N, C-alpha and C. Protein backbone atom coordinates (compact mmCIF):
# COMPACT_ATOMS: atom_id res chain seq x y z
N MET A 1 214.89 112.41 149.00
CA MET A 1 215.98 112.85 148.59
C MET A 1 216.93 111.51 147.74
N LYS A 2 216.88 110.52 148.98
CA LYS A 2 218.00 109.86 148.85
C LYS A 2 217.61 109.06 147.32
N ASN A 3 216.33 108.52 146.90
CA ASN A 3 216.02 107.87 145.44
C ASN A 3 215.87 108.84 144.73
N LYS A 4 215.71 110.28 144.57
CA LYS A 4 215.99 111.10 143.49
C LYS A 4 217.62 111.02 142.90
N TRP A 5 218.39 110.98 144.12
CA TRP A 5 219.84 110.90 143.26
C TRP A 5 220.07 109.88 142.90
N LEU A 6 219.39 108.49 143.30
CA LEU A 6 219.67 107.41 142.97
C LEU A 6 219.09 107.56 141.44
N TYR A 7 217.54 107.93 141.42
CA TYR A 7 217.36 108.00 139.95
C TYR A 7 218.11 108.83 139.26
N MET A 8 218.78 109.89 139.32
CA MET A 8 218.93 110.65 138.30
C MET A 8 221.01 110.02 138.24
N GLY A 9 221.46 109.21 139.18
CA GLY A 9 222.68 108.23 138.83
C GLY A 9 222.18 107.33 137.46
N VAL A 10 221.40 106.64 137.80
CA VAL A 10 220.79 105.75 137.27
C VAL A 10 220.71 106.14 135.46
N ILE A 11 220.25 107.34 135.58
CA ILE A 11 219.69 107.71 134.19
C ILE A 11 221.01 108.41 133.90
N LEU A 12 221.62 108.89 134.26
CA LEU A 12 223.29 109.40 134.15
C LEU A 12 224.22 108.37 133.06
N LEU A 13 223.88 107.28 133.91
CA LEU A 13 224.51 106.06 133.54
C LEU A 13 224.11 105.49 132.19
N VAL A 14 222.83 105.33 132.23
CA VAL A 14 222.22 105.21 130.89
C VAL A 14 222.67 105.88 129.64
N VAL A 15 222.43 106.72 129.69
CA VAL A 15 222.84 108.26 128.70
C VAL A 15 224.62 107.87 128.16
N ILE A 16 225.01 107.38 129.28
CA ILE A 16 226.58 107.44 129.05
C ILE A 16 227.18 105.87 128.40
N SER A 17 226.24 105.32 128.47
CA SER A 17 226.26 104.21 128.17
C SER A 17 226.00 103.94 126.62
N SER A 18 224.67 104.33 126.76
CA SER A 18 224.41 104.50 125.28
C SER A 18 225.21 105.41 124.24
N GLY A 19 225.71 106.55 124.68
CA GLY A 19 226.82 107.40 124.11
C GLY A 19 228.15 105.83 123.52
N LEU A 20 228.99 105.61 124.52
CA LEU A 20 229.80 104.90 124.66
C LEU A 20 229.14 103.74 123.39
N PHE A 21 227.82 103.17 123.50
CA PHE A 21 227.43 102.28 122.28
C PHE A 21 227.69 102.65 120.95
N TYR A 22 227.07 103.83 120.92
CA TYR A 22 226.78 104.40 119.31
C TYR A 22 227.83 105.30 119.18
N MET A 23 229.06 105.30 119.64
CA MET A 23 229.89 106.21 119.07
C MET A 23 230.72 105.29 117.74
N GLY A 24 230.95 105.62 117.01
CA GLY A 24 231.09 105.08 115.69
C GLY A 24 229.83 105.24 114.65
N GLN A 25 228.85 105.39 115.38
CA GLN A 25 227.16 105.10 114.61
C GLN A 25 226.47 106.22 114.16
N ILE A 26 227.29 107.32 114.57
CA ILE A 26 226.63 108.96 114.73
C ILE A 26 226.00 108.82 112.98
N LYS A 27 224.43 109.80 113.11
CA LYS A 27 224.24 110.22 111.91
C LYS A 27 223.68 111.27 112.02
N ASP A 28 223.56 112.11 111.02
CA ASP A 28 223.23 113.66 111.00
C ASP A 28 221.24 113.51 111.21
N LYS A 29 220.87 114.62 110.54
CA LYS A 29 219.65 114.98 110.59
C LYS A 29 218.84 114.15 109.38
N GLU A 30 219.82 113.89 108.08
CA GLU A 30 219.32 113.51 107.02
C GLU A 30 219.74 111.91 106.68
N GLY A 31 220.11 111.53 108.12
CA GLY A 31 220.55 110.30 107.87
C GLY A 31 221.58 109.67 107.32
N ILE A 32 222.57 110.53 106.85
CA ILE A 32 223.76 110.44 106.46
C ILE A 32 224.61 109.93 107.53
N ARG A 33 225.66 108.75 107.23
CA ARG A 33 226.75 108.53 108.64
C ARG A 33 227.68 109.76 108.37
N ILE A 34 228.07 109.86 109.79
CA ILE A 34 229.17 110.94 110.14
C ILE A 34 230.50 109.78 110.43
N GLU A 35 231.35 109.81 110.01
CA GLU A 35 232.47 109.04 110.06
C GLU A 35 232.97 109.36 111.43
N THR A 36 233.34 108.63 112.54
CA THR A 36 234.21 109.02 113.75
C THR A 36 235.59 108.10 113.54
N GLU A 37 236.45 108.50 114.32
CA GLU A 37 237.83 107.89 114.18
C GLU A 37 237.71 106.13 114.41
N ASN A 38 236.69 105.56 115.09
CA ASN A 38 236.63 104.47 115.50
C ASN A 38 236.14 103.74 114.51
N SER A 39 235.26 104.37 113.52
CA SER A 39 234.10 104.03 112.51
C SER A 39 234.86 103.84 111.40
N LYS A 40 235.65 104.92 111.03
CA LYS A 40 236.58 105.01 109.98
C LYS A 40 237.80 103.98 109.93
N LYS A 41 238.08 103.18 110.84
CA LYS A 41 239.54 102.15 111.09
C LYS A 41 238.59 100.81 110.78
N SER A 42 237.22 100.84 111.17
CA SER A 42 236.75 99.50 111.01
C SER A 42 236.45 99.62 109.46
N VAL A 43 235.60 100.56 108.87
CA VAL A 43 235.94 100.57 107.38
C VAL A 43 236.90 100.42 106.54
N GLU A 44 238.14 101.15 107.25
CA GLU A 44 239.39 100.52 106.44
C GLU A 44 239.96 98.93 106.41
N TYR A 45 239.52 98.60 107.70
CA TYR A 45 239.76 97.16 108.28
C TYR A 45 239.05 96.38 107.17
N GLU A 46 237.88 96.25 106.99
CA GLU A 46 237.18 95.69 106.32
C GLU A 46 237.36 95.88 104.60
N GLU A 47 237.88 97.32 103.89
CA GLU A 47 238.35 97.35 102.51
C GLU A 47 239.49 96.49 102.76
N ASP A 48 240.78 96.48 103.65
CA ASP A 48 241.39 96.01 103.64
C ASP A 48 241.92 94.23 103.06
N ILE A 49 240.58 93.52 103.99
CA ILE A 49 239.99 92.39 104.05
C ILE A 49 239.74 91.89 102.67
N ASP A 50 239.00 92.84 102.01
CA ASP A 50 238.17 92.37 100.34
C ASP A 50 239.40 92.82 99.64
N GLU A 51 240.49 93.75 99.66
CA GLU A 51 241.38 93.76 98.82
C GLU A 51 242.51 92.66 99.05
N VAL A 52 242.59 92.20 100.03
CA VAL A 52 243.61 90.82 100.06
C VAL A 52 242.89 89.70 99.66
N MET A 53 241.55 89.56 99.87
CA MET A 53 240.94 88.43 99.40
C MET A 53 240.64 88.20 97.68
N ASN A 54 240.53 89.58 97.26
CA ASN A 54 240.78 89.45 95.81
C ASN A 54 242.11 89.38 95.26
N LYS A 55 243.05 88.83 95.91
CA LYS A 55 244.67 88.88 95.13
C LYS A 55 244.72 87.39 94.89
N SER A 56 245.63 86.88 94.16
CA SER A 56 246.18 85.75 93.78
C SER A 56 247.47 86.11 93.69
N TYR A 57 248.11 84.69 94.07
CA TYR A 57 249.78 84.70 93.94
C TYR A 57 250.22 83.68 92.97
N ILE A 58 250.90 84.28 91.86
CA ILE A 58 251.31 82.96 91.10
C ILE A 58 252.40 82.80 90.58
N HIS A 59 253.34 82.04 90.76
CA HIS A 59 254.85 81.55 90.30
C HIS A 59 255.04 80.90 88.82
N ILE A 60 255.53 82.19 88.50
CA ILE A 60 255.76 81.75 86.98
C ILE A 60 257.51 81.74 86.90
N CYS A 61 258.00 80.59 86.25
CA CYS A 61 259.22 80.23 85.97
C CYS A 61 259.21 80.02 84.52
N GLY A 62 260.60 79.45 84.30
CA GLY A 62 261.03 79.20 83.31
C GLY A 62 261.11 80.14 82.14
N ALA A 63 261.03 80.64 80.81
CA ALA A 63 261.78 81.44 79.83
C ALA A 63 260.88 82.87 79.46
N VAL A 64 260.89 83.37 80.87
CA VAL A 64 260.46 84.72 81.65
C VAL A 64 261.67 85.61 82.04
N LYS A 65 261.44 86.89 81.82
CA LYS A 65 262.91 87.66 82.35
C LYS A 65 263.04 87.61 83.75
N ASN A 66 262.13 87.29 84.42
CA ASN A 66 262.35 87.53 86.03
C ASN A 66 261.22 86.58 86.47
N PRO A 67 261.65 85.53 86.56
CA PRO A 67 261.15 84.45 87.26
C PRO A 67 260.93 84.66 88.72
N ASP A 68 259.30 84.54 88.99
CA ASP A 68 259.22 85.13 90.74
C ASP A 68 257.46 84.30 91.09
N VAL A 69 257.73 84.92 92.38
CA VAL A 69 255.92 84.80 93.07
C VAL A 69 255.40 86.24 91.97
N TYR A 70 254.18 86.36 91.53
CA TYR A 70 253.80 87.85 91.60
C TYR A 70 252.26 87.78 92.35
N GLU A 71 251.89 88.69 92.98
CA GLU A 71 250.50 89.32 93.64
C GLU A 71 250.12 89.83 92.21
N VAL A 72 248.54 89.09 91.97
CA VAL A 72 247.67 89.61 90.91
C VAL A 72 246.33 89.41 91.41
N ASN A 73 245.43 90.22 90.53
CA ASN A 73 243.90 90.22 90.53
C ASN A 73 243.57 88.92 90.52
N GLU A 74 242.42 88.34 91.14
CA GLU A 74 241.72 87.27 91.03
C GLU A 74 241.44 86.78 89.86
N ASN A 75 241.10 88.14 89.08
CA ASN A 75 240.81 87.75 87.81
C ASN A 75 241.66 88.03 86.41
N ALA A 76 242.96 87.68 86.87
CA ALA A 76 244.12 88.33 86.25
C ALA A 76 244.17 87.04 84.93
N ARG A 77 244.75 87.15 83.86
CA ARG A 77 245.15 86.59 82.89
C ARG A 77 246.57 86.14 82.73
N LEU A 78 247.23 85.21 82.04
CA LEU A 78 248.63 85.02 82.06
C LEU A 78 249.38 86.16 81.30
N PHE A 79 248.86 86.33 80.42
CA PHE A 79 249.57 87.26 79.77
C PHE A 79 250.06 88.40 80.40
N GLU A 80 249.39 89.14 81.77
CA GLU A 80 249.59 90.28 82.61
C GLU A 80 250.55 89.76 83.59
N VAL A 81 250.59 88.43 84.15
CA VAL A 81 251.77 87.96 84.86
C VAL A 81 252.88 87.88 83.89
N ILE A 82 252.71 87.32 82.73
CA ILE A 82 254.27 87.46 82.01
C ILE A 82 254.74 88.87 81.69
N ALA A 83 253.67 89.74 81.71
CA ALA A 83 254.00 91.41 81.62
C ALA A 83 254.88 91.79 82.90
N MET A 84 254.53 91.23 84.15
CA MET A 84 254.50 91.92 85.81
C MET A 84 256.34 90.98 85.23
N ALA A 85 256.54 89.67 84.90
CA ALA A 85 257.97 89.25 84.85
C ALA A 85 258.85 89.78 83.95
N GLY A 86 258.31 90.47 83.48
CA GLY A 86 259.37 91.43 82.50
C GLY A 86 259.40 90.80 81.04
N GLY A 87 258.16 89.98 80.83
CA GLY A 87 258.35 89.62 79.17
C GLY A 87 258.99 88.10 79.06
N LEU A 88 258.82 87.84 78.03
CA LEU A 88 259.55 86.32 77.64
C LEU A 88 260.67 86.65 77.43
N GLU A 89 261.46 85.44 77.51
CA GLU A 89 262.93 85.39 77.10
C GLU A 89 262.99 85.19 75.13
N GLU A 90 264.39 85.80 74.82
CA GLU A 90 264.31 85.40 73.54
C GLU A 90 263.86 84.10 73.06
N ASP A 91 264.25 82.84 73.45
CA ASP A 91 264.44 81.70 73.09
C ASP A 91 263.24 81.12 73.99
N ALA A 92 262.42 81.93 74.32
CA ALA A 92 261.24 81.25 74.80
C ALA A 92 260.15 80.31 73.64
N VAL A 93 259.39 79.39 74.14
CA VAL A 93 258.37 78.56 72.78
C VAL A 93 257.24 79.34 72.84
N LYS A 94 257.27 80.34 72.15
CA LYS A 94 256.22 81.25 72.48
C LYS A 94 254.74 80.91 71.89
N GLY A 95 253.59 80.54 72.30
CA GLY A 95 252.54 79.60 72.08
C GLY A 95 252.51 78.13 72.74
N SER A 96 253.41 77.97 73.56
CA SER A 96 253.34 76.65 74.14
C SER A 96 252.28 76.97 75.21
N VAL A 97 252.35 78.11 75.55
CA VAL A 97 250.97 78.64 77.08
C VAL A 97 249.85 79.74 76.19
N ASN A 98 248.77 79.51 76.95
CA ASN A 98 247.75 80.15 76.62
C ASN A 98 247.70 81.45 77.25
N LEU A 99 248.40 82.66 76.73
CA LEU A 99 248.27 83.96 76.87
C LEU A 99 247.02 84.18 77.77
N ALA A 100 245.72 84.09 77.01
CA ALA A 100 244.46 84.70 77.27
C ALA A 100 243.91 83.73 78.29
N ARG A 101 244.37 82.75 79.00
CA ARG A 101 243.42 82.10 79.84
C ARG A 101 243.77 82.86 81.39
N LYS A 102 242.93 82.85 82.26
CA LYS A 102 242.96 82.93 83.70
C LYS A 102 243.71 82.15 84.70
N VAL A 103 244.36 83.15 85.25
CA VAL A 103 245.32 82.31 86.54
C VAL A 103 244.62 82.10 87.50
N MET A 104 245.38 81.22 88.28
CA MET A 104 244.61 80.59 89.48
C MET A 104 245.48 80.77 90.49
N ASP A 105 245.23 81.01 91.93
CA ASP A 105 245.82 81.25 92.66
C ASP A 105 246.86 80.11 93.11
N GLY A 106 247.87 80.22 93.42
CA GLY A 106 248.60 79.18 94.34
C GLY A 106 249.22 78.64 93.09
N GLU A 107 249.11 79.03 91.87
CA GLU A 107 249.51 78.07 90.45
C GLU A 107 250.92 78.41 90.31
N GLN A 108 251.55 77.21 89.38
CA GLN A 108 252.76 77.37 89.52
C GLN A 108 253.08 77.45 87.44
N ILE A 109 253.27 78.33 86.86
CA ILE A 109 253.48 78.29 85.44
C ILE A 109 254.58 78.43 84.77
N TYR A 110 255.19 77.16 83.84
CA TYR A 110 256.63 77.07 83.46
C TYR A 110 256.37 77.53 81.78
N VAL A 111 257.16 78.48 81.57
CA VAL A 111 256.86 78.75 80.13
C VAL A 111 258.36 78.00 79.56
N PRO A 112 258.00 77.05 78.80
CA PRO A 112 259.75 76.63 78.28
C PRO A 112 260.44 77.19 77.48
N PHE A 113 261.77 76.59 77.54
CA PHE A 113 262.69 77.42 76.24
C PHE A 113 262.84 76.53 75.19
N GLU A 114 263.03 77.20 74.03
CA GLU A 114 263.43 76.66 72.78
C GLU A 114 264.31 75.18 73.01
N GLY A 115 264.27 73.98 72.57
CA GLY A 115 265.00 73.08 72.67
C GLY A 115 264.07 71.91 73.72
N GLU A 116 263.14 72.33 74.35
CA GLU A 116 262.57 71.48 75.25
C GLU A 116 261.36 71.25 74.59
N GLU A 117 261.08 70.57 73.24
CA GLU A 117 259.83 69.79 72.52
C GLU A 117 259.16 68.92 73.37
N GLN A 118 259.72 68.14 74.14
CA GLN A 118 258.88 67.29 74.76
C GLN A 118 257.85 67.92 75.56
N ILE A 119 258.69 69.16 76.34
CA ILE A 119 257.47 69.62 76.86
C ILE A 119 256.50 70.61 76.64
N SER A 120 257.11 71.23 75.39
CA SER A 120 256.14 71.97 74.58
C SER A 120 254.94 70.87 74.23
N TYR A 121 255.54 69.27 73.41
CA TYR A 121 254.57 68.90 72.60
C TYR A 121 253.39 68.35 73.77
N ILE A 122 253.65 67.90 75.22
CA ILE A 122 252.93 67.41 76.05
C ILE A 122 251.81 68.46 76.40
N THR A 123 252.20 69.82 76.14
CA THR A 123 251.44 71.26 76.68
C THR A 123 250.47 70.96 75.44
N GLN A 124 251.17 70.78 74.17
CA GLN A 124 250.07 70.85 73.19
C GLN A 124 248.96 69.42 73.27
N GLU A 125 249.27 68.34 73.54
CA GLU A 125 248.47 67.15 73.87
C GLU A 125 247.33 67.71 75.00
N ASN A 126 247.82 68.36 75.82
CA ASN A 126 246.69 68.74 77.04
C ASN A 126 245.92 69.87 76.46
N GLN A 127 246.17 70.56 75.51
CA GLN A 127 245.23 71.59 75.20
C GLN A 127 243.76 71.05 74.62
N SER A 128 244.23 69.36 73.87
CA SER A 128 242.99 69.01 73.63
C SER A 128 241.92 68.23 74.22
N LYS A 129 242.33 68.35 75.70
CA LYS A 129 241.64 67.67 76.70
C LYS A 129 241.09 68.72 77.30
N VAL A 130 240.30 68.32 78.39
CA VAL A 130 239.34 69.47 79.36
C VAL A 130 240.37 69.51 80.31
N SER A 131 240.61 70.82 80.34
CA SER A 131 241.40 70.49 81.97
C SER A 131 240.37 70.93 82.98
N LEU A 132 240.82 70.25 84.21
CA LEU A 132 240.41 70.28 85.15
C LEU A 132 240.29 71.02 86.34
N ASN A 133 241.55 71.97 85.85
CA ASN A 133 242.24 73.20 86.78
C ASN A 133 241.27 74.34 86.11
N GLN A 134 241.31 74.46 84.86
CA GLN A 134 240.52 76.01 84.07
C GLN A 134 239.59 75.53 83.10
N GLY A 135 238.82 74.46 82.70
CA GLY A 135 237.85 74.16 82.19
C GLY A 135 236.64 74.89 82.60
N THR A 136 235.98 75.81 81.65
CA THR A 136 234.18 76.11 82.14
C THR A 136 233.23 75.17 82.57
N LYS A 137 232.77 75.75 82.74
CA LYS A 137 231.38 74.61 83.09
C LYS A 137 230.73 74.15 82.00
N GLU A 138 230.69 74.36 81.02
CA GLU A 138 230.17 74.27 79.42
C GLU A 138 231.12 73.24 78.74
N GLN A 139 232.50 73.54 78.90
CA GLN A 139 233.64 72.57 78.75
C GLN A 139 233.79 71.36 79.28
N LEU A 140 233.59 71.47 80.46
CA LEU A 140 233.44 70.09 81.65
C LEU A 140 232.29 69.08 81.25
N MET A 141 231.05 69.82 80.88
CA MET A 141 229.74 69.23 80.40
C MET A 141 229.77 68.33 79.33
N THR A 142 231.03 68.45 78.61
CA THR A 142 231.19 68.06 77.55
C THR A 142 231.85 66.61 77.78
N LEU A 143 232.37 66.20 79.00
CA LEU A 143 232.70 64.88 79.59
C LEU A 143 231.79 63.77 79.52
N THR A 144 231.88 62.54 79.09
CA THR A 144 230.80 62.03 79.42
C THR A 144 230.31 61.66 80.72
N GLY A 145 228.83 61.32 80.93
CA GLY A 145 228.49 61.65 82.29
C GLY A 145 228.45 62.86 83.21
N ILE A 146 229.38 63.83 82.68
CA ILE A 146 229.24 64.99 83.39
C ILE A 146 228.19 66.46 82.95
N GLY A 147 227.21 66.49 83.85
CA GLY A 147 226.23 67.09 83.24
C GLY A 147 226.24 68.68 84.40
N GLU A 148 225.31 69.27 84.28
CA GLU A 148 225.83 70.68 84.84
C GLU A 148 226.02 70.54 86.00
N VAL A 149 225.39 69.22 87.29
CA VAL A 149 225.67 69.24 88.85
C VAL A 149 227.33 69.25 89.02
N ARG A 150 227.63 68.36 88.20
CA ARG A 150 228.76 67.63 88.46
C ARG A 150 229.95 68.37 88.38
N ALA A 151 229.45 69.41 86.48
CA ALA A 151 230.46 70.10 86.78
C ALA A 151 230.56 71.73 87.07
N ASN A 152 229.71 71.95 88.03
CA ASN A 152 229.43 73.19 89.00
C ASN A 152 230.25 72.31 90.66
N ALA A 153 230.15 70.90 90.87
CA ALA A 153 230.95 70.56 91.78
C ALA A 153 232.29 70.48 91.89
N ILE A 154 232.87 70.15 90.50
CA ILE A 154 234.30 70.09 90.15
C ILE A 154 235.00 71.69 89.87
N ILE A 155 234.03 72.83 89.64
CA ILE A 155 234.61 73.80 89.73
C ILE A 155 234.48 74.56 91.33
N LYS A 156 233.48 73.84 92.05
CA LYS A 156 233.59 74.25 93.36
C LYS A 156 234.31 73.55 94.31
N HIS A 157 235.18 72.33 93.77
CA HIS A 157 236.10 71.91 94.66
C HIS A 157 237.44 72.32 94.25
N ARG A 158 237.85 72.66 92.93
CA ARG A 158 238.83 73.30 92.58
C ARG A 158 239.04 74.93 93.28
N THR A 159 238.10 75.32 93.43
CA THR A 159 237.87 76.78 94.00
C THR A 159 237.96 77.30 95.61
N GLN A 160 237.70 75.79 96.19
CA GLN A 160 237.36 75.85 97.38
C GLN A 160 238.82 75.06 97.81
N LYS A 161 239.32 73.98 97.28
CA LYS A 161 240.55 73.31 98.03
C LYS A 161 241.88 73.11 96.87
N GLY A 162 241.77 74.57 96.02
CA GLY A 162 243.21 74.86 95.05
C GLY A 162 242.70 73.67 94.07
N PRO A 163 243.93 73.65 93.09
CA PRO A 163 243.72 73.09 91.96
C PRO A 163 243.93 71.54 91.90
N PHE A 164 243.50 70.80 90.99
CA PHE A 164 243.69 69.31 91.19
C PHE A 164 245.17 69.28 90.71
N VAL A 165 246.06 68.09 91.10
CA VAL A 165 247.36 67.70 91.02
C VAL A 165 247.52 66.87 90.11
N ARG A 166 246.48 66.34 90.48
CA ARG A 166 246.75 64.56 89.33
C ARG A 166 245.26 64.83 89.09
N ILE A 167 244.98 64.06 87.27
CA ILE A 167 243.82 63.90 87.19
C ILE A 167 242.96 62.82 88.33
N GLU A 168 243.52 61.97 88.88
CA GLU A 168 242.87 61.02 90.00
C GLU A 168 242.26 61.39 90.79
N ASP A 169 242.76 62.91 91.13
CA ASP A 169 242.16 63.71 92.10
C ASP A 169 240.34 64.07 91.60
N ILE A 170 240.12 64.05 90.68
CA ILE A 170 238.68 64.34 90.21
C ILE A 170 237.74 63.35 91.25
N MET A 171 238.12 62.12 91.71
CA MET A 171 237.33 61.11 92.25
C MET A 171 237.22 61.50 93.60
N LEU A 172 237.65 62.94 94.14
CA LEU A 172 237.64 63.03 95.58
C LEU A 172 236.35 64.48 95.29
N VAL A 173 235.81 64.79 94.24
CA VAL A 173 234.55 65.18 93.92
C VAL A 173 233.51 64.69 94.22
N GLU A 174 232.54 65.15 95.15
CA GLU A 174 231.12 64.30 95.24
C GLU A 174 229.99 64.01 94.11
N GLY A 175 230.20 62.53 93.96
CA GLY A 175 229.56 62.06 92.92
C GLY A 175 230.34 61.53 91.93
N ILE A 176 231.60 61.77 92.07
CA ILE A 176 232.28 61.26 90.98
C ILE A 176 233.34 60.05 91.65
N LYS A 177 233.26 59.20 91.13
CA LYS A 177 233.91 57.68 91.90
C LYS A 177 234.50 57.11 90.48
N GLU A 178 235.18 55.81 91.10
CA GLU A 178 236.43 55.30 89.74
C GLU A 178 235.45 54.99 88.61
N ALA A 179 234.38 54.40 88.61
CA ALA A 179 233.44 53.95 87.36
C ALA A 179 233.57 55.05 86.17
N MET A 180 232.89 56.14 86.90
CA MET A 180 233.21 57.76 86.29
C MET A 180 234.71 57.98 85.83
N PHE A 181 235.41 57.85 86.39
CA PHE A 181 236.77 58.10 86.21
C PHE A 181 237.19 57.89 85.09
N GLU A 182 236.83 56.11 85.05
CA GLU A 182 237.37 55.53 83.89
C GLU A 182 236.66 55.50 82.55
N LYS A 183 235.56 56.74 82.66
CA LYS A 183 235.02 57.26 81.32
C LYS A 183 235.55 57.96 80.99
N ILE A 184 236.24 58.82 81.84
CA ILE A 184 236.63 60.44 81.30
C ILE A 184 238.30 60.35 81.49
N LYS A 185 238.66 59.48 81.80
CA LYS A 185 240.17 60.26 82.14
C LYS A 185 241.22 60.40 80.99
N ASP A 186 241.32 59.42 79.89
CA ASP A 186 241.46 60.07 78.64
C ASP A 186 241.18 61.21 77.92
N ASP A 187 240.13 61.98 78.71
CA ASP A 187 239.54 63.20 77.97
C ASP A 187 240.05 64.17 78.56
N ILE A 188 240.65 63.88 79.97
CA ILE A 188 240.56 65.40 81.26
C ILE A 188 242.06 65.42 80.93
N GLY A 189 242.39 66.39 81.11
CA GLY A 189 244.14 67.07 81.75
C GLY A 189 243.83 67.96 82.72
N LEU A 190 244.96 68.44 83.20
CA LEU A 190 245.16 69.42 84.20
C LEU A 190 245.34 70.78 83.64
């Protein structure tokens, strides 16, 4: 009799443990998941993480109506950020920035005012160079000695470690040393 109660107690313990383990994983007859309160919280948490991971923060300043830091989707374009900032000021140098370019997380963008010709000139000069921070794989591959592997390494570096701050930072990319930098330094910009 004693063994019978012990046996039933073990079975009951297994059944209760299984029920606790599978809470939030219940399925109906057709294999469709029935969400419990615990599983619903888990799904919402995963969606929140995805939403945060796909956001970028851009600091826009200069000749915009509301300079500030704005949260945008990771594939946002500069014209979208400027619209969020209330648009350009009347005395903004229109054409000094590429409105169609994608913005990068953590980037600061300055839109110059009229009369800041020097800044505008530098911007125009840099547009003829391949941008380390914005250049596509194809654009990077136009540089002397940069093939597909190195172009991908540049993109991987800026994606994982953030934008390049100085052109010399290209030497932080695996496979690019000082000799390579000397060959391309006049053709690259930020």
